[in-house]
PDB file of all heavy atoms in Angstrom:
ATOM      1  N   SER A   1     254.255 207.601 185.827  1.00  0.00           N
ATOM      2  CA  SER A   1     255.545 208.044 185.268  1.00  0.00           C
ATOM      3  C   SER A   1     255.749 209.515 185.344  1.00  0.00           C
ATOM      4  O   SER A   1     256.857 210.102 185.485  1.00  0.00           O
ATOM      5  CB  SER A   1     255.743 207.579 183.809  1.00  0.00           C
ATOM      6  OG  SER A   1     255.623 206.214 183.741  1.00  0.00           O
ATOM      7  N   TYR A   2     254.654 210.290 185.141  1.00  0.00           N
ATOM      8  CA  TYR A   2     254.795 211.749 185.074  1.00  0.00           C
ATOM      9  C   TYR A   2     254.247 212.474 186.408  1.00  0.00           C
ATOM     10  O   TYR A   2     254.281 213.635 186.559  1.00  0.00           O
ATOM     11  CB  TYR A   2     253.958 212.341 183.953  1.00  0.00           C
ATOM     12  CG  TYR A   2     254.486 211.755 182.597  1.00  0.00           C
ATOM     13  CD1 TYR A   2     253.605 210.820 181.937  1.00  0.00           C
ATOM     14  CD2 TYR A   2     255.714 211.950 182.137  1.00  0.00           C
ATOM     15  CE1 TYR A   2     254.083 210.231 180.747  1.00  0.00           C
ATOM     16  CE2 TYR A   2     256.105 211.429 180.936  1.00  0.00           C
ATOM     17  CZ  TYR A   2     255.300 210.551 180.276  1.00  0.00           C
ATOM     18  OH  TYR A   2     255.732 210.054 179.137  1.00  0.00           O
ATOM     19  N   GLY A   3     253.882 211.542 187.371  1.00  0.00           N
ATOM     20  CA  GLY A   3     253.489 212.117 188.731  1.00  0.00           C
ATOM     21  C   GLY A   3     252.174 212.954 188.754  1.00  0.00           C
ATOM     22  O   GLY A   3     252.108 213.689 189.683  1.00  0.00           O
ATOM     23  N   ASP A   4     251.328 212.649 187.799  1.00  0.00           N
ATOM     24  CA  ASP A   4     250.076 213.401 187.739  1.00  0.00           C
ATOM     25  C   ASP A   4     248.859 212.597 187.741  1.00  0.00           C
ATOM     26  O   ASP A   4     247.759 213.109 187.420  1.00  0.00           O
ATOM     27  CB  ASP A   4     250.139 214.390 186.563  1.00  0.00           C
ATOM     28  CG  ASP A   4     250.234 213.705 185.256  1.00  0.00           C
ATOM     29  OD1 ASP A   4     250.406 212.429 185.345  1.00  0.00           O
ATOM     30  OD2 ASP A   4     250.320 214.271 184.164  1.00  0.00           O
ATOM     31  N   ILE A   5     248.980 211.359 188.234  1.00  0.00           N
ATOM     32  CA  ILE A   5     247.742 210.516 188.318  1.00  0.00           C
ATOM     33  C   ILE A   5     247.289 210.529 189.674  1.00  0.00           C
ATOM     34  O   ILE A   5     248.112 210.354 190.716  1.00  0.00           O
ATOM     35  CB  ILE A   5     248.167 209.108 187.772  1.00  0.00           C
ATOM     36  CG1 ILE A   5     248.538 209.059 186.348  1.00  0.00           C
ATOM     37  CG2 ILE A   5     246.950 208.105 188.101  1.00  0.00           C
ATOM     38  CD1 ILE A   5     248.977 207.718 185.833  1.00  0.00           C
ATOM     39  N   LEU A   6     245.937 210.628 189.788  1.00  0.00           N
ATOM     40  CA  LEU A   6     245.322 210.643 191.173  1.00  0.00           C
ATOM     41  C   LEU A   6     244.959 209.220 191.575  1.00  0.00           C
ATOM     42  O   LEU A   6     244.469 208.420 190.712  1.00  0.00           O
ATOM     43  CB  LEU A   6     244.092 211.467 191.180  1.00  0.00           C
ATOM     44  CG  LEU A   6     243.240 211.502 192.405  1.00  0.00           C
ATOM     45  CD1 LEU A   6     243.965 212.437 193.437  1.00  0.00           C
ATOM     46  CD2 LEU A   6     241.826 212.032 192.183  1.00  0.00           C
ATOM     47  N   VAL A   7     245.214 208.784 192.774  1.00  0.00           N
ATOM     48  CA  VAL A   7     244.820 207.528 193.314  1.00  0.00           C
ATOM     49  C   VAL A   7     243.780 207.719 194.371  1.00  0.00           C
ATOM     50  O   VAL A   7     244.009 208.467 195.319  1.00  0.00           O
ATOM     51  CB  VAL A   7     246.096 206.749 193.923  1.00  0.00           C
ATOM     52  CG1 VAL A   7     245.558 205.472 194.591  1.00  0.00           C
ATOM     53  CG2 VAL A   7     247.084 206.425 192.886  1.00  0.00           C
ATOM     54  N   ARG A   8     242.619 207.110 194.102  1.00  0.00           N
ATOM     55  CA  ARG A   8     241.489 207.285 195.128  1.00  0.00           C
ATOM     56  C   ARG A   8     241.455 206.060 196.045  1.00  0.00           C
ATOM     57  O   ARG A   8     241.452 204.989 195.550  1.00  0.00           O
ATOM     58  CB  ARG A   8     240.177 207.448 194.440  1.00  0.00           C
ATOM     59  CG  ARG A   8     240.093 208.768 193.536  1.00  0.00           C
ATOM     60  CD  ARG A   8     238.751 208.778 192.938  1.00  0.00           C
ATOM     61  NE  ARG A   8     237.600 208.755 193.791  1.00  0.00           N
ATOM     62  CZ  ARG A   8     236.397 208.536 193.495  1.00  0.00           C
ATOM     63  NH1 ARG A   8     236.117 208.217 192.186  1.00  0.00           N
ATOM     64  NH2 ARG A   8     235.442 208.560 194.381  1.00  0.00           N
ATOM     65  N   ASP A   9     241.409 206.269 197.356  1.00  0.00           N
ATOM     66  CA  ASP A   9     241.265 205.205 198.243  1.00  0.00           C
ATOM     67  C   ASP A   9     239.763 205.158 198.588  1.00  0.00           C
ATOM     68  O   ASP A   9     239.225 205.823 199.589  1.00  0.00           O
ATOM     69  CB  ASP A   9     242.052 205.465 199.550  1.00  0.00           C
ATOM     70  CG  ASP A   9     241.777 204.335 200.658  1.00  0.00           C
ATOM     71  OD1 ASP A   9     241.600 203.188 200.206  1.00  0.00           O
ATOM     72  OD2 ASP A   9     241.754 204.700 201.789  1.00  0.00           O
ATOM     73  N   ARG A  10     239.014 204.449 197.816  1.00  0.00           N
ATOM     74  CA  ARG A  10     237.512 204.343 197.879  1.00  0.00           C
ATOM     75  C   ARG A  10     237.180 203.067 198.501  1.00  0.00           C
ATOM     76  O   ARG A  10     237.160 201.966 197.831  1.00  0.00           O
ATOM     77  CB  ARG A  10     236.867 204.563 196.581  1.00  0.00           C
ATOM     78  CG  ARG A  10     235.320 204.692 196.734  1.00  0.00           C
ATOM     79  CD  ARG A  10     234.694 204.880 195.347  1.00  0.00           C
ATOM     80  NE  ARG A  10     233.275 204.982 195.428  1.00  0.00           N
ATOM     81  CZ  ARG A  10     232.377 205.152 194.409  1.00  0.00           C
ATOM     82  NH1 ARG A  10     232.923 205.238 193.149  1.00  0.00           N
ATOM     83  NH2 ARG A  10     231.165 205.233 194.540  1.00  0.00           N
ATOM     84  N   LYS A  11     236.919 203.025 199.808  1.00  0.00           N
ATOM     85  CA  LYS A  11     236.729 201.694 200.494  1.00  0.00           C
ATOM     86  C   LYS A  11     235.363 201.128 200.228  1.00  0.00           C
ATOM     87  O   LYS A  11     234.337 201.809 200.080  1.00  0.00           O
ATOM     88  CB  LYS A  11     236.960 201.996 202.058  1.00  0.00           C
ATOM     89  CG  LYS A  11     238.360 202.321 202.403  1.00  0.00           C
ATOM     90  CD  LYS A  11     238.548 202.589 203.872  1.00  0.00           C
ATOM     91  CE  LYS A  11     238.015 203.960 204.271  1.00  0.00           C
ATOM     92  NZ  LYS A  11     238.783 205.037 203.665  1.00  0.00           N
ATOM     93  N   MET A  12     235.408 199.775 200.180  1.00  0.00           N
ATOM     94  CA  MET A  12     234.187 199.007 200.101  1.00  0.00           C
ATOM     95  C   MET A  12     234.176 198.003 201.182  1.00  0.00           C
ATOM     96  O   MET A  12     235.177 197.299 201.436  1.00  0.00           O
ATOM     97  CB  MET A  12     234.108 198.192 198.754  1.00  0.00           C
ATOM     98  CG  MET A  12     233.008 197.182 198.606  1.00  0.00           C
ATOM     99  SD  MET A  12     231.347 197.824 198.609  1.00  0.00           S
ATOM    100  CE  MET A  12     231.281 198.389 196.886  1.00  0.00           C
ATOM    101  N   TYR A  13     233.098 197.909 201.967  1.00  0.00           N
ATOM    102  CA  TYR A  13     232.957 196.950 203.041  1.00  0.00           C
ATOM    103  C   TYR A  13     232.023 195.866 202.655  1.00  0.00           C
ATOM    104  O   TYR A  13     231.042 196.075 201.943  1.00  0.00           O
ATOM    105  CB  TYR A  13     232.411 197.729 204.259  1.00  0.00           C
ATOM    106  CG  TYR A  13     233.144 198.986 204.522  1.00  0.00           C
ATOM    107  CD1 TYR A  13     232.637 200.226 204.178  1.00  0.00           C
ATOM    108  CD2 TYR A  13     234.379 198.949 205.250  1.00  0.00           C
ATOM    109  CE1 TYR A  13     233.306 201.372 204.428  1.00  0.00           C
ATOM    110  CE2 TYR A  13     235.058 200.135 205.539  1.00  0.00           C
ATOM    111  CZ  TYR A  13     234.525 201.360 205.053  1.00  0.00           C
ATOM    112  OH  TYR A  13     235.209 202.566 205.365  1.00  0.00           O
ATOM    113  N   VAL A  14     232.362 194.627 203.079  1.00  0.00           N
ATOM    114  CA  VAL A  14     231.528 193.430 202.760  1.00  0.00           C
ATOM    115  C   VAL A  14     231.171 192.792 204.122  1.00  0.00           C
ATOM    116  O   VAL A  14     232.145 192.377 204.867  1.00  0.00           O
ATOM    117  CB  VAL A  14     232.354 192.492 201.852  1.00  0.00           C
ATOM    118  CG1 VAL A  14     231.378 191.263 201.632  1.00  0.00           C
ATOM    119  CG2 VAL A  14     232.558 193.130 200.565  1.00  0.00           C
ATOM    120  N   ALA A  15     229.960 192.784 204.492  1.00  0.00           N
ATOM    121  CA  ALA A  15     229.588 192.260 205.784  1.00  0.00           C
ATOM    122  C   ALA A  15     228.729 190.973 205.682  1.00  0.00           C
ATOM    123  O   ALA A  15     227.981 190.813 204.713  1.00  0.00           O
ATOM    124  CB  ALA A  15     228.788 193.349 206.627  1.00  0.00           C
ATOM    125  N   PRO A  16     228.677 190.102 206.648  1.00  0.00           N
ATOM    126  CA  PRO A  16     227.909 188.979 206.560  1.00  0.00           C
ATOM    127  C   PRO A  16     226.425 189.276 206.743  1.00  0.00           C
ATOM    128  O   PRO A  16     226.132 190.314 207.453  1.00  0.00           O
ATOM    129  CB  PRO A  16     228.361 188.054 207.718  1.00  0.00           C
ATOM    130  CG  PRO A  16     229.031 189.039 208.641  1.00  0.00           C
ATOM    131  CD  PRO A  16     229.593 190.206 207.814  1.00  0.00           C
ATOM    132  N   THR A  17     225.520 188.549 206.167  1.00  0.00           N
ATOM    133  CA  THR A  17     224.091 188.791 206.332  1.00  0.00           C
ATOM    134  C   THR A  17     223.609 187.980 207.499  1.00  0.00           C
ATOM    135  O   THR A  17     224.230 187.008 207.919  1.00  0.00           O
ATOM    136  CB  THR A  17     223.266 188.340 205.074  1.00  0.00           C
ATOM    137  OG1 THR A  17     223.345 186.878 205.000  1.00  0.00           O
ATOM    138  CG2 THR A  17     223.874 188.990 203.751  1.00  0.00           C
ATOM    139  N   PRO A  18     222.423 188.289 208.052  1.00  0.00           N
ATOM    140  CA  PRO A  18     221.837 187.398 209.143  1.00  0.00           C
ATOM    141  C   PRO A  18     221.592 185.995 208.631  1.00  0.00           C
ATOM    142  O   PRO A  18     221.604 185.074 209.400  1.00  0.00           O
ATOM    143  CB  PRO A  18     220.545 188.107 209.457  1.00  0.00           C
ATOM    144  CG  PRO A  18     220.699 189.583 208.990  1.00  0.00           C
ATOM    145  CD  PRO A  18     221.671 189.460 207.759  1.00  0.00           C
ATOM    146  N   PHE A  19     221.380 185.843 207.334  1.00  0.00           N
ATOM    147  CA  PHE A  19     221.135 184.492 206.833  1.00  0.00           C
ATOM    148  C   PHE A  19     222.422 183.561 207.001  1.00  0.00           C
ATOM    149  O   PHE A  19     222.361 182.326 207.154  1.00  0.00           O
ATOM    150  CB  PHE A  19     220.711 184.500 205.338  1.00  0.00           C
ATOM    151  CG  PHE A  19     219.402 185.115 205.124  1.00  0.00           C
ATOM    152  CD1 PHE A  19     219.439 186.343 204.513  1.00  0.00           C
ATOM    153  CD2 PHE A  19     218.195 184.564 205.612  1.00  0.00           C
ATOM    154  CE1 PHE A  19     218.176 186.996 204.259  1.00  0.00           C
ATOM    155  CE2 PHE A  19     216.980 185.184 205.400  1.00  0.00           C
ATOM    156  CZ  PHE A  19     216.962 186.405 204.714  1.00  0.00           C
ATOM    157  N   ALA A  20     223.636 184.234 206.964  1.00  0.00           N
ATOM    158  CA  ALA A  20     224.867 183.483 207.198  1.00  0.00           C
ATOM    159  C   ALA A  20     225.172 183.436 208.706  1.00  0.00           C
ATOM    160  O   ALA A  20     225.806 182.425 209.133  1.00  0.00           O
ATOM    161  CB  ALA A  20     226.001 184.186 206.463  1.00  0.00           C
ATOM    162  N   LEU A  21     224.812 184.435 209.482  1.00  0.00           N
ATOM    163  CA  LEU A  21     225.133 184.535 210.816  1.00  0.00           C
ATOM    164  C   LEU A  21     224.324 183.624 211.741  1.00  0.00           C
ATOM    165  O   LEU A  21     224.707 183.075 212.794  1.00  0.00           O
ATOM    166  CB  LEU A  21     225.113 186.008 211.306  1.00  0.00           C
ATOM    167  CG  LEU A  21     226.131 186.964 210.775  1.00  0.00           C
ATOM    168  CD1 LEU A  21     225.763 188.336 211.313  1.00  0.00           C
ATOM    169  CD2 LEU A  21     227.506 186.617 211.312  1.00  0.00           C
ATOM    170  N   ALA A  22     223.080 183.444 211.423  1.00  0.00           N
ATOM    171  CA  ALA A  22     222.100 182.792 212.213  1.00  0.00           C
ATOM    172  C   ALA A  22     221.391 181.622 211.559  1.00  0.00           C
ATOM    173  O   ALA A  22     220.753 181.790 210.522  1.00  0.00           O
ATOM    174  CB  ALA A  22     221.087 183.785 212.711  1.00  0.00           C
ATOM    175  N   GLU A  23     221.509 180.419 212.116  1.00  0.00           N
ATOM    176  CA  GLU A  23     220.743 179.273 211.622  1.00  0.00           C
ATOM    177  C   GLU A  23     219.286 179.425 212.001  1.00  0.00           C
ATOM    178  O   GLU A  23     218.996 179.948 213.066  1.00  0.00           O
ATOM    179  CB  GLU A  23     221.289 177.972 212.260  1.00  0.00           C
ATOM    180  CG  GLU A  23     222.664 177.611 211.916  1.00  0.00           C
ATOM    181  CD  GLU A  23     222.764 177.117 210.483  1.00  0.00           C
ATOM    182  OE1 GLU A  23     221.747 176.800 209.882  1.00  0.00           O
ATOM    183  OE2 GLU A  23     224.010 176.892 210.057  1.00  0.00           O
ATOM    184  N   GLY A  24     218.408 178.994 211.069  1.00  0.00           N
ATOM    185  CA  GLY A  24     216.993 179.042 211.289  1.00  0.00           C
ATOM    186  C   GLY A  24     216.336 180.314 210.786  1.00  0.00           C
ATOM    187  O   GLY A  24     215.147 180.468 210.989  1.00  0.00           O
ATOM    188  N   THR A  25     217.064 181.078 210.038  1.00  0.00           N
ATOM    189  CA  THR A  25     216.434 182.367 209.497  1.00  0.00           C
ATOM    190  C   THR A  25     216.011 182.153 208.035  1.00  0.00           C
ATOM    191  O   THR A  25     215.013 182.810 207.601  1.00  0.00           O
ATOM    192  CB  THR A  25     217.476 183.544 209.481  1.00  0.00           C
ATOM    193  OG1 THR A  25     218.669 183.026 208.871  1.00  0.00           O
ATOM    194  CG2 THR A  25     217.756 183.911 210.991  1.00  0.00           C
ATOM    195  N   ALA A  26     216.497 181.119 207.383  1.00  0.00           N
ATOM    196  CA  ALA A  26     216.138 180.903 205.956  1.00  0.00           C
ATOM    197  C   ALA A  26     214.736 180.440 205.917  1.00  0.00           C
ATOM    198  O   ALA A  26     214.239 179.505 206.746  1.00  0.00           O
ATOM    199  CB  ALA A  26     217.036 179.863 205.332  1.00  0.00           C
ATOM    200  N   HIS A  27     213.885 180.976 204.989  1.00  0.00           N
ATOM    201  CA  HIS A  27     212.440 180.571 204.767  1.00  0.00           C
ATOM    202  C   HIS A  27     211.657 180.912 205.922  1.00  0.00           C
ATOM    203  O   HIS A  27     210.499 180.249 206.098  1.00  0.00           O
ATOM    204  CB  HIS A  27     212.402 179.134 204.331  1.00  0.00           C
ATOM    205  CG  HIS A  27     213.462 178.694 203.316  1.00  0.00           C
ATOM    206  ND1 HIS A  27     213.386 179.243 202.032  1.00  0.00           N
ATOM    207  CD2 HIS A  27     214.430 177.830 203.373  1.00  0.00           C
ATOM    208  CE1 HIS A  27     214.441 178.731 201.322  1.00  0.00           C
ATOM    209  NE2 HIS A  27     215.064 177.859 202.135  1.00  0.00           N
ATOM    210  N   ARG A  28     212.042 181.839 206.677  1.00  0.00           N
ATOM    211  CA  ARG A  28     211.214 182.326 207.876  1.00  0.00           C
ATOM    212  C   ARG A  28     211.194 183.777 207.925  1.00  0.00           C
ATOM    213  O   ARG A  28     211.852 184.474 207.112  1.00  0.00           O
ATOM    214  CB  ARG A  28     211.868 181.721 209.208  1.00  0.00           C
ATOM    215  CG  ARG A  28     211.828 180.201 209.283  1.00  0.00           C
ATOM    216  CD  ARG A  28     210.427 179.700 209.564  1.00  0.00           C
ATOM    217  NE  ARG A  28     210.363 178.301 209.766  1.00  0.00           N
ATOM    218  CZ  ARG A  28     210.121 177.365 208.817  1.00  0.00           C
ATOM    219  NH1 ARG A  28     209.851 177.817 207.635  1.00  0.00           N
ATOM    220  NH2 ARG A  28     210.099 176.090 209.129  1.00  0.00           N
ATOM    221  N   ARG A  29     210.551 184.365 208.892  1.00  0.00           N
ATOM    222  CA  ARG A  29     210.456 185.787 209.113  1.00  0.00           C
ATOM    223  C   ARG A  29     210.797 186.057 210.575  1.00  0.00           C
ATOM    224  O   ARG A  29     210.094 185.685 211.513  1.00  0.00           O
ATOM    225  CB  ARG A  29     208.994 186.340 208.824  1.00  0.00           C
ATOM    226  CG  ARG A  29     208.539 186.054 207.363  1.00  0.00           C
ATOM    227  CD  ARG A  29     207.153 186.181 207.040  1.00  0.00           C
ATOM    228  NE  ARG A  29     206.387 184.976 207.582  1.00  0.00           N
ATOM    229  CZ  ARG A  29     205.919 184.009 206.817  1.00  0.00           C
ATOM    230  NH1 ARG A  29     206.206 183.978 205.570  1.00  0.00           N
ATOM    231  NH2 ARG A  29     205.256 183.009 207.400  1.00  0.00           N
ATOM    232  N   THR A  30     211.915 186.795 210.777  1.00  0.00           N
ATOM    233  CA  THR A  30     212.583 186.823 211.999  1.00  0.00           C
ATOM    234  C   THR A  30     213.009 188.175 212.428  1.00  0.00           C
ATOM    235  O   THR A  30     213.553 188.947 211.605  1.00  0.00           O
ATOM    236  CB  THR A  30     213.769 185.851 212.132  1.00  0.00           C
ATOM    237  OG1 THR A  30     213.521 184.529 211.681  1.00  0.00           O
ATOM    238  CG2 THR A  30     214.273 185.784 213.573  1.00  0.00           C
ATOM    239  N   LEU A  31     212.747 188.558 213.675  1.00  0.00           N
ATOM    240  CA  LEU A  31     213.222 189.793 214.232  1.00  0.00           C
ATOM    241  C   LEU A  31     214.291 189.582 215.229  1.00  0.00           C
ATOM    242  O   LEU A  31     214.289 188.676 216.118  1.00  0.00           O
ATOM    243  CB  LEU A  31     212.055 190.538 214.991  1.00  0.00           C
ATOM    244  CG  LEU A  31     212.423 191.820 215.768  1.00  0.00           C
ATOM    245  CD1 LEU A  31     212.773 192.896 214.847  1.00  0.00           C
ATOM    246  CD2 LEU A  31     211.194 192.237 216.624  1.00  0.00           C
TER     247      LEU A  31
END
């Protein structure tokens, strides 16, 4: 209302993990 509030555009990224991207990685050790 008074034009003196700061708005921050602070981005958050959410990415898939290899456990979601690749079958066969759960309960294993994979490179």
